[in-house]
PDB file of N, CA and C in Angstrom:
ATOM      1  N   MET A   1     135.155 135.558  91.971  1.00  0.00           N
ATOM      2  CA  MET A   1     134.032 134.425  91.108  1.00  0.00           C
ATOM      3  C   MET A   1     132.651 135.339  91.036  1.00  0.00           C
ATOM      4  N   ASN A   2     132.160 134.974  89.593  1.00  0.00           N
ATOM      5  CA  ASN A   2     130.882 135.347  89.295  1.00  0.00           C
ATOM      6  C   ASN A   2     129.795 134.067  89.609  1.00  0.00           C
ATOM      7  N   ILE A   3     129.095 134.115  90.873  1.00  0.00           N
ATOM      8  CA  ILE A   3     128.461 132.891  90.761  1.00  0.00           C
ATOM      9  C   ILE A   3     127.065 132.250  89.523  1.00  0.00           C
ATOM     10  N   THR A   4     126.928 133.339  89.035  1.00  0.00           N
ATOM     11  CA  THR A   4     125.758 133.492  88.448  1.00  0.00           C
ATOM     12  C   THR A   4     126.524 132.479  87.255  1.00  0.00           C
ATOM     13  N   GLN A   5     127.254 133.631  86.608  1.00  0.00           N
ATOM     14  CA  GLN A   5     127.958 132.426  85.758  1.00  0.00           C
ATOM     15  C   GLN A   5     128.237 130.738  85.929  1.00  0.00           C
ATOM     16  N   GLU A   6     128.886 130.791  86.942  1.00  0.00           N
ATOM     17  CA  GLU A   6     129.416 129.537  87.402  1.00  0.00           C
ATOM     18  C   GLU A   6     128.282 128.679  87.517  1.00  0.00           C
ATOM     19  N   VAL A   7     126.784 129.315  88.083  1.00  0.00           N
ATOM     20  CA  VAL A   7     126.039 128.239  88.156  1.00  0.00           C
ATOM     21  C   VAL A   7     125.881 127.705  86.014  1.00  0.00           C
ATOM     22  N   LEU A   8     125.056 128.406  85.452  1.00  0.00           N
ATOM     23  CA  LEU A   8     125.232 128.881  84.702  1.00  0.00           C
ATOM     24  C   LEU A   8     125.839 127.436  83.984  1.00  0.00           C
ATOM     25  N   ARG A   9     127.316 127.857  83.825  1.00  0.00           N
ATOM     26  CA  ARG A   9     128.278 126.979  83.423  1.00  0.00           C
ATOM     27  C   ARG A   9     127.669 125.748  83.874  1.00  0.00           C
ATOM     28  N   ILE A  10     127.626 125.499  85.028  1.00  0.00           N
ATOM     29  CA  ILE A  10     127.431 124.006  85.584  1.00  0.00           C
ATOM     30  C   ILE A  10     125.975 123.399  85.294  1.00  0.00           C
ATOM     31  N   LEU A  11     124.677 124.014  85.616  1.00  0.00           N
ATOM     32  CA  LEU A  11     123.612 123.650  84.305  1.00  0.00           C
ATOM     33  C   LEU A  11     123.846 123.425  83.143  1.00  0.00           C
ATOM     34  N   ASP A  12     124.822 124.321  82.449  1.00  0.00           N
ATOM     35  CA  ASP A  12     124.868 123.466  81.204  1.00  0.00           C
ATOM     36  C   ASP A  12     125.248 122.242  80.557  1.00  0.00           C
ATOM     37  N   GLU A  13     126.777 122.168  81.928  1.00  0.00           N
ATOM     38  CA  GLU A  13     126.956 121.322  81.378  1.00  0.00           C
ATOM     39  C   GLU A  13     126.495 119.694  82.308  1.00  0.00           C
ATOM     40  N   VAL A  14     125.661 119.726  83.332  1.00  0.00           N
ATOM     41  CA  VAL A  14     125.438 118.776  83.455  1.00  0.00           C
ATOM     42  C   VAL A  14     123.927 118.365  82.725  1.00  0.00           C
ATOM     43  N   LEU A  15     123.082 119.354  82.532  1.00  0.00           N
ATOM     44  CA  LEU A  15     121.919 119.069  81.900  1.00  0.00           C
ATOM     45  C   LEU A  15     122.598 118.990  80.565  1.00  0.00           C
ATOM     46  N   SER A  16     123.633 119.200  79.991  1.00  0.00           N
ATOM     47  CA  SER A  16     124.265 118.702  78.650  1.00  0.00           C
ATOM     48  C   SER A  16     122.773 119.586  77.365  1.00  0.00           C
ATOM     49  N   LEU A  17     123.042 121.064  78.154  1.00  0.00           N
ATOM     50  CA  LEU A  17     122.297 122.064  76.975  1.00  0.00           C
ATOM     51  C   LEU A  17     122.624 122.489  75.993  1.00  0.00           C
ATOM     52  N   GLY A  18     124.229 122.100  75.768  1.00  0.00           N
ATOM     53  CA  GLY A  18     124.601 122.625  74.334  1.00  0.00           C
ATOM     54  C   GLY A  18     125.059 123.780  74.180  1.00  0.00           C
ATOM     55  N   GLY A  19     125.080 124.742  75.612  1.00  0.00           N
ATOM     56  CA  GLY A  19     125.046 126.674  75.702  1.00  0.00           C
ATOM     57  C   GLY A  19     124.088 127.413  75.745  1.00  0.00           C
ATOM     58  N   ARG A  20     122.786 126.373  75.480  1.00  0.00           N
ATOM     59  CA  ARG A  20     121.604 126.874  75.962  1.00  0.00           C
ATOM     60  C   ARG A  20     121.585 127.935  77.301  1.00  0.00           C
ATOM     61  N   GLY A  21     121.968 126.719  78.140  1.00  0.00           N
ATOM     62  CA  GLY A  21     122.124 127.462  79.520  1.00  0.00           C
ATOM     63  C   GLY A  21     122.610 128.640  79.688  1.00  0.00           C
ATOM     64  N   MET A  22     123.957 129.498  78.739  1.00  0.00           N
ATOM     65  CA  MET A  22     124.259 130.297  78.858  1.00  0.00           C
ATOM     66  C   MET A  22     123.642 131.514  78.776  1.00  0.00           C
ATOM     67  N   ALA A  23     122.189 131.323  78.564  1.00  0.00           N
ATOM     68  CA  ALA A  23     121.470 132.577  78.006  1.00  0.00           C
ATOM     69  C   ALA A  23     120.403 132.698  78.682  1.00  0.00           C
ATOM     70  N   PHE A  24     120.282 131.643  79.697  1.00  0.00           N
ATOM     71  CA  PHE A  24     119.350 131.815  81.175  1.00  0.00           C
ATOM     72  C   PHE A  24     119.372 132.724  82.000  1.00  0.00           C
ATOM     73  N   THR A  25     118.445 133.424  82.537  1.00  0.00           N
ATOM     74  CA  THR A  25     118.537 134.988  83.343  1.00  0.00           C
ATOM     75  C   THR A  25     117.919 134.275  84.833  1.00  0.00           C
ATOM     76  N   ARG A  26     117.795 135.555  85.591  1.00  0.00           N
ATOM     77  CA  ARG A  26     117.584 134.736  86.570  1.00  0.00           C
ATOM     78  C   ARG A  26     116.076 134.794  86.650  1.00  0.00           C
ATOM     79  N   GLU A  27     115.299 134.649  86.087  1.00  0.00           N
ATOM     80  CA  GLU A  27     114.324 134.723  85.821  1.00  0.00           C
ATOM     81  C   GLU A  27     113.645 133.432  85.493  1.00  0.00           C
ATOM     82  N   THR A  28     114.486 133.120  84.636  1.00  0.00           N
ATOM     83  CA  THR A  28     114.148 131.740  84.151  1.00  0.00           C
ATOM     84  C   THR A  28     114.068 130.785  85.146  1.00  0.00           C
ATOM     85  N   PRO A  29     112.660 129.510  84.490  1.00  0.00           N
ATOM     86  CA  PRO A  29     112.173 128.688  85.576  1.00  0.00           C
ATOM     87  C   PRO A  29     112.922 127.581  85.063  1.00  0.00           C
ATOM     88  N   LEU A  30     113.191 126.695  86.354  1.00  0.00           N
ATOM     89  CA  LEU A  30     114.095 125.129  86.329  1.00  0.00           C
ATOM     90  C   LEU A  30     113.459 124.091  86.332  1.00  0.00           C
ATOM     91  N   LEU A  31     113.095 123.624  87.690  1.00  0.00           N
ATOM     92  CA  LEU A  31     112.315 122.543  87.909  1.00  0.00           C
ATOM     93  C   LEU A  31     111.019 122.427  87.457  1.00  0.00           C
ATOM     94  N   GLY A  32     110.470 121.575  86.219  1.00  0.00           N
ATOM     95  CA  GLY A  32     109.105 121.274  85.761  1.00  0.00           C
ATOM     96  C   GLY A  32     109.370 122.223  84.517  1.00  0.00           C
ATOM     97  N   ALA A  33     110.208 122.942  84.702  1.00  0.00           N
ATOM     98  CA  ALA A  33     110.440 123.692  82.824  1.00  0.00           C
ATOM     99  C   ALA A  33     111.434 123.551  81.910  1.00  0.00           C
ATOM    100  N   ILE A  34     112.158 122.481  82.337  1.00  0.00           N
ATOM    101  CA  ILE A  34     113.319 122.121  81.402  1.00  0.00           C
ATOM    102  C   ILE A  34     113.461 120.811  81.738  1.00  0.00           C
ATOM    103  N   PRO A  35     112.827 119.870  80.843  1.00  0.00           N
ATOM    104  CA  PRO A  35     113.261 118.621  80.635  1.00  0.00           C
ATOM    105  C   PRO A  35     114.284 117.622  81.561  1.00  0.00           C
ATOM    106  N   GLU A  36     115.255 118.727  81.506  1.00  0.00           N
ATOM    107  CA  GLU A  36     116.090 117.555  81.532  1.00  0.00           C
ATOM    108  C   GLU A  36     116.060 117.933  82.743  1.00  0.00           C
ATOM    109  N   LEU A  37     115.824 118.413  83.445  1.00  0.00           N
ATOM    110  CA  LEU A  37     116.408 118.614  85.082  1.00  0.00           C
ATOM    111  C   LEU A  37     115.162 117.822  86.275  1.00  0.00           C
ATOM    112  N   ASP A  38     115.518 116.704  85.755  1.00  0.00           N
ATOM    113  CA  ASP A  38     114.811 115.785  86.424  1.00  0.00           C
ATOM    114  C   ASP A  38     115.644 115.297  88.075  1.00  0.00           C
ATOM    115  N   SER A  39     114.978 114.764  88.987  1.00  0.00           N
ATOM    116  CA  SER A  39     115.291 114.534  90.202  1.00  0.00           C
ATOM    117  C   SER A  39     117.040 113.564  89.704  1.00  0.00           C
ATOM    118  N   MET A  40     117.305 113.133  89.025  1.00  0.00           N
ATOM    119  CA  MET A  40     118.363 112.304  89.223  1.00  0.00           C
ATOM    120  C   MET A  40     119.873 113.906  88.962  1.00  0.00           C
ATOM    121  N   ALA A  41     119.051 114.373  87.639  1.00  0.00           N
ATOM    122  CA  ALA A  41     119.887 115.854  87.262  1.00  0.00           C
ATOM    123  C   ALA A  41     120.034 116.443  88.509  1.00  0.00           C
ATOM    124  N   VAL A  42     119.267 116.610  89.360  1.00  0.00           N
ATOM    125  CA  VAL A  42     119.217 117.447  90.606  1.00  0.00           C
ATOM    126  C   VAL A  42     120.145 116.719  91.423  1.00  0.00           C
ATOM    127  N   VAL A  43     120.029 115.420  92.041  1.00  0.00           N
ATOM    128  CA  VAL A  43     121.761 115.158  92.972  1.00  0.00           C
ATOM    129  C   VAL A  43     123.006 115.155  91.750  1.00  0.00           C
ATOM    130  N   THR A  44     123.337 115.232  90.784  1.00  0.00           N
ATOM    131  CA  THR A  44     124.443 115.662  90.079  1.00  0.00           C
ATOM    132  C   THR A  44     125.002 116.512  89.732  1.00  0.00           C
ATOM    133  N   LEU A  45     123.510 117.689  89.823  1.00  0.00           N
ATOM    134  CA  LEU A  45     123.910 119.495  89.504  1.00  0.00           C
ATOM    135  C   LEU A  45     124.693 119.507  91.479  1.00  0.00           C
ATOM    136  N   ILE A  46     123.825 119.155  92.311  1.00  0.00           N
ATOM    137  CA  ILE A  46     124.101 119.446  93.755  1.00  0.00           C
ATOM    138  C   ILE A  46     125.699 118.538  93.881  1.00  0.00           C
ATOM    139  N   THR A  47     125.831 117.565  93.276  1.00  0.00           N
ATOM    140  CA  THR A  47     127.386 117.032  94.068  1.00  0.00           C
ATOM    141  C   THR A  47     128.672 117.696  92.920  1.00  0.00           C
ATOM    142  N   THR A  48     127.943 118.063  91.728  1.00  0.00           N
ATOM    143  CA  THR A  48     128.929 119.091  90.331  1.00  0.00           C
ATOM    144  C   THR A  48     129.279 120.514  91.297  1.00  0.00           C
ATOM    145  N   MET A  49     128.340 121.076  91.793  1.00  0.00           N
ATOM    146  CA  MET A  49     128.469 122.212  92.776  1.00  0.00           C
ATOM    147  C   MET A  49     129.031 122.027  93.983  1.00  0.00           C
ATOM    148  N   GLU A  50     128.760 120.688  94.488  1.00  0.00           N
ATOM    149  CA  GLU A  50     129.334 120.758  95.770  1.00  0.00           C
ATOM    150  C   GLU A  50     131.246 121.171  95.211  1.00  0.00           C
ATOM    151  N   GLU A  51     132.057 119.866  94.365  1.00  0.00           N
ATOM    152  CA  GLU A  51     133.383 119.598  93.893  1.00  0.00           C
ATOM    153  C   GLU A  51     133.678 120.591  93.277  1.00  0.00           C
ATOM    154  N   GLN A  52     132.778 121.698  92.266  1.00  0.00           N
ATOM    155  CA  GLN A  52     133.729 122.790  91.571  1.00  0.00           C
ATOM    156  C   GLN A  52     133.560 123.997  92.233  1.00  0.00           C
ATOM    157  N   LEU A  53     132.721 124.385  92.979  1.00  0.00           N
ATOM    158  CA  LEU A  53     132.638 125.523  94.158  1.00  0.00           C
ATOM    159  C   LEU A  53     132.799 124.976  95.153  1.00  0.00           C
ATOM    160  N   GLY A  54     133.560 124.452  96.008  1.00  0.00           N
ATOM    161  CA  GLY A  54     133.969 124.009  97.217  1.00  0.00           C
ATOM    162  C   GLY A  54     132.716 123.998  98.224  1.00  0.00           C
ATOM    163  N   LEU A  55     131.252 123.729  98.179  1.00  0.00           N
ATOM    164  CA  LEU A  55     130.532 123.905  99.157  1.00  0.00           C
ATOM    165  C   LEU A  55     130.261 122.791  99.505  1.00  0.00           C
ATOM    166  N   VAL A  56     129.544 122.539 101.249  1.00  0.00           N
ATOM    167  CA  VAL A  56     128.522 121.504 101.431  1.00  0.00           C
ATOM    168  C   VAL A  56     127.451 121.675 100.973  1.00  0.00           C
ATOM    169  N   VAL A  57     126.743 120.735 100.780  1.00  0.00           N
ATOM    170  CA  VAL A  57     125.002 121.036 100.473  1.00  0.00           C
ATOM    171  C   VAL A  57     124.347 119.939 101.869  1.00  0.00           C
ATOM    172  N   ASP A  58     123.552 120.056 102.813  1.00  0.00           N
ATOM    173  CA  ASP A  58     123.228 119.609 103.200  1.00  0.00           C
ATOM    174  C   ASP A  58     121.839 119.056 102.728  1.00  0.00           C
ATOM    175  N   ASP A  59     121.384 117.615 103.134  1.00  0.00           N
ATOM    176  CA  ASP A  59     120.156 117.326 102.361  1.00  0.00           C
ATOM    177  C   ASP A  59     118.812 118.259 103.073  1.00  0.00           C
ATOM    178  N   ASP A  60     118.754 118.834 104.452  1.00  0.00           N
ATOM    179  CA  ASP A  60     117.884 119.502 104.495  1.00  0.00           C
ATOM    180  C   ASP A  60     117.905 120.841 104.372  1.00  0.00           C
ATOM    181  N   ASP A  61     119.164 121.274 103.459  1.00  0.00           N
ATOM    182  CA  ASP A  61     119.069 122.936 102.499  1.00  0.00           C
ATOM    183  C   ASP A  61     118.508 123.029 101.708  1.00  0.00           C
ATOM    184  N   ILE A  62     117.929 121.976 101.241  1.00  0.00           N
ATOM    185  CA  ILE A  62     117.687 121.828 100.040  1.00  0.00           C
ATOM    186  C   ILE A  62     115.404 121.956  99.920  1.00  0.00           C
ATOM    187  N   ASP A  63     115.077 122.614  98.917  1.00  0.00           N
ATOM    188  CA  ASP A  63     113.569 122.423  98.859  1.00  0.00           C
ATOM    189  C   ASP A  63     113.262 122.374  97.396  1.00  0.00           C
ATOM    190  N   GLY A  64     112.073 122.516  97.273  1.00  0.00           N
ATOM    191  CA  GLY A  64     111.853 122.834  95.740  1.00  0.00           C
ATOM    192  C   GLY A  64     112.124 124.125  95.180  1.00  0.00           C
ATOM    193  N   ALA A  65     111.938 125.248  96.622  1.00  0.00           N
ATOM    194  CA  ALA A  65     112.468 126.537  96.171  1.00  0.00           C
ATOM    195  C   ALA A  65     113.959 126.476  95.313  1.00  0.00           C
ATOM    196  N   THR A  66     114.360 125.932  95.847  1.00  0.00           N
ATOM    197  CA  THR A  66     115.994 126.225  95.454  1.00  0.00           C
ATOM    198  C   THR A  66     115.870 126.136  94.277  1.00  0.00           C
ATOM    199  N   PHE A  67     115.266 125.508  93.483  1.00  0.00           N
ATOM    200  CA  PHE A  67     115.445 125.055  91.851  1.00  0.00           C
ATOM    201  C   PHE A  67     113.994 125.083  91.605  1.00  0.00           C
ATOM    202  N   GLU A  68     113.398 126.833  91.829  1.00  0.00           N
ATOM    203  CA  GLU A  68     112.623 127.235  90.864  1.00  0.00           C
ATOM    204  C   GLU A  68     113.179 128.252  89.442  1.00  0.00           C
ATOM    205  N   THR A  69     114.140 128.812  89.659  1.00  0.00           N
ATOM    206  CA  THR A  69     114.463 129.940  88.845  1.00  0.00           C
ATOM    207  C   THR A  69     116.166 129.678  89.262  1.00  0.00           C
ATOM    208  N   VAL A  70     116.816 130.283  88.242  1.00  0.00           N
ATOM    209  CA  VAL A  70     118.180 130.089  88.673  1.00  0.00           C
ATOM    210  C   VAL A  70     118.366 131.472  88.869  1.00  0.00           C
ATOM    211  N   GLY A  71     117.298 132.404  89.791  1.00  0.00           N
ATOM    212  CA  GLY A  71     118.191 133.202  90.829  1.00  0.00           C
ATOM    213  C   GLY A  71     117.699 132.561  92.091  1.00  0.00           C
ATOM    214  N   SER A  72     117.018 131.829  92.529  1.00  0.00           N
ATOM    215  CA  SER A  72     117.099 131.080  93.475  1.00  0.00           C
ATOM    216  C   SER A  72     118.028 130.307  93.733  1.00  0.00           C
ATOM    217  N   LEU A  73     118.369 129.645  92.826  1.00  0.00           N
ATOM    218  CA  LEU A  73     119.398 128.648  93.128  1.00  0.00           C
ATOM    219  C   LEU A  73     121.043 129.269  92.641  1.00  0.00           C
ATOM    220  N   VAL A  74     121.252 130.634  91.913  1.00  0.00           N
ATOM    221  CA  VAL A  74     122.109 131.434  92.379  1.00  0.00           C
ATOM    222  C   VAL A  74     122.134 132.228  93.686  1.00  0.00           C
ATOM    223  N   ASP A  75     121.102 132.141  94.338  1.00  0.00           N
ATOM    224  CA  ASP A  75     121.268 132.919  95.449  1.00  0.00           C
ATOM    225  C   ASP A  75     121.291 131.808  96.822  1.00  0.00           C
ATOM    226  N   PHE A  76     120.882 130.473  96.885  1.00  0.00           N
ATOM    227  CA  PHE A  76     121.187 129.711  97.184  1.00  0.00           C
ATOM    228  C   PHE A  76     122.590 128.893  97.957  1.00  0.00           C
ATOM    229  N   ILE A  77     123.176 129.253  95.941  1.00  0.00           N
ATOM    230  CA  ILE A  77     124.708 129.109  96.074  1.00  0.00           C
ATOM    231  C   ILE A  77     125.416 130.309  96.686  1.00  0.00           C
ATOM    232  N   GLY A  78     125.050 131.333  96.674  1.00  0.00           N
ATOM    233  CA  GLY A  78     125.465 132.286  97.451  1.00  0.00           C
ATOM    234  C   GLY A  78     125.364 132.654  98.452  1.00  0.00           C
ATOM    235  N   ARG A  79     124.720 131.900  99.418  1.00  0.00           N
ATOM    236  CA  ARG A  79     124.380 131.797 101.083  1.00  0.00           C
ATOM    237  C   ARG A  79     125.311 130.762 101.112  1.00  0.00           C
ATOM    238  N   LYS A  80     125.584 129.443 100.539  1.00  0.00           N
ATOM    239  CA  LYS A  80     126.234 128.596 100.833  1.00  0.00           C
ATOM    240  C   LYS A  80     127.641 128.914 101.219  1.00  0.00           C
ATOM    241  N   LEU A  81     127.887 130.010 100.007  1.00  0.00           N
ATOM    242  CA  LEU A  81     129.591 130.085  99.742  1.00  0.00           C
ATOM    243  C   LEU A  81     129.789 131.158 101.010  1.00  0.00           C
ATOM    244  N   ALA A  82     128.657 131.836 101.486  1.00  0.00           N
ATOM    245  CA  ALA A  82     129.337 132.570 102.627  1.00  0.00           C
ATOM    246  C   ALA A  82     129.203 131.951 103.576  1.00  0.00           C
ATOM    247  N   ASP A  83     128.834 130.910 103.989  1.00  0.00           N
ATOM    248  CA  ASP A  83     128.686 130.092 105.447  1.00  0.00           C
ATOM    249  C   ASP A  83     130.042 130.092 105.589  1.00  0.00           C
TER     250      ASP A  83
END
């Protein structure tokens, strides 16, 4: 599984970006930079990733840095999948 591609696909789907999300890079800023990514979208994003990628995210696993960039989110998901 290509974690980056899966994360981009889920971001694009959950945030209804119409394909824009597939052009994001590891350096693309997320929280505070993408208007569609509000607090409710973060919850939906986490739930969708849990369902589609088969991982469990505890509330204390997440902080603002997790959603700082695409790369920080991909790295977080990669660590969760390795657990």
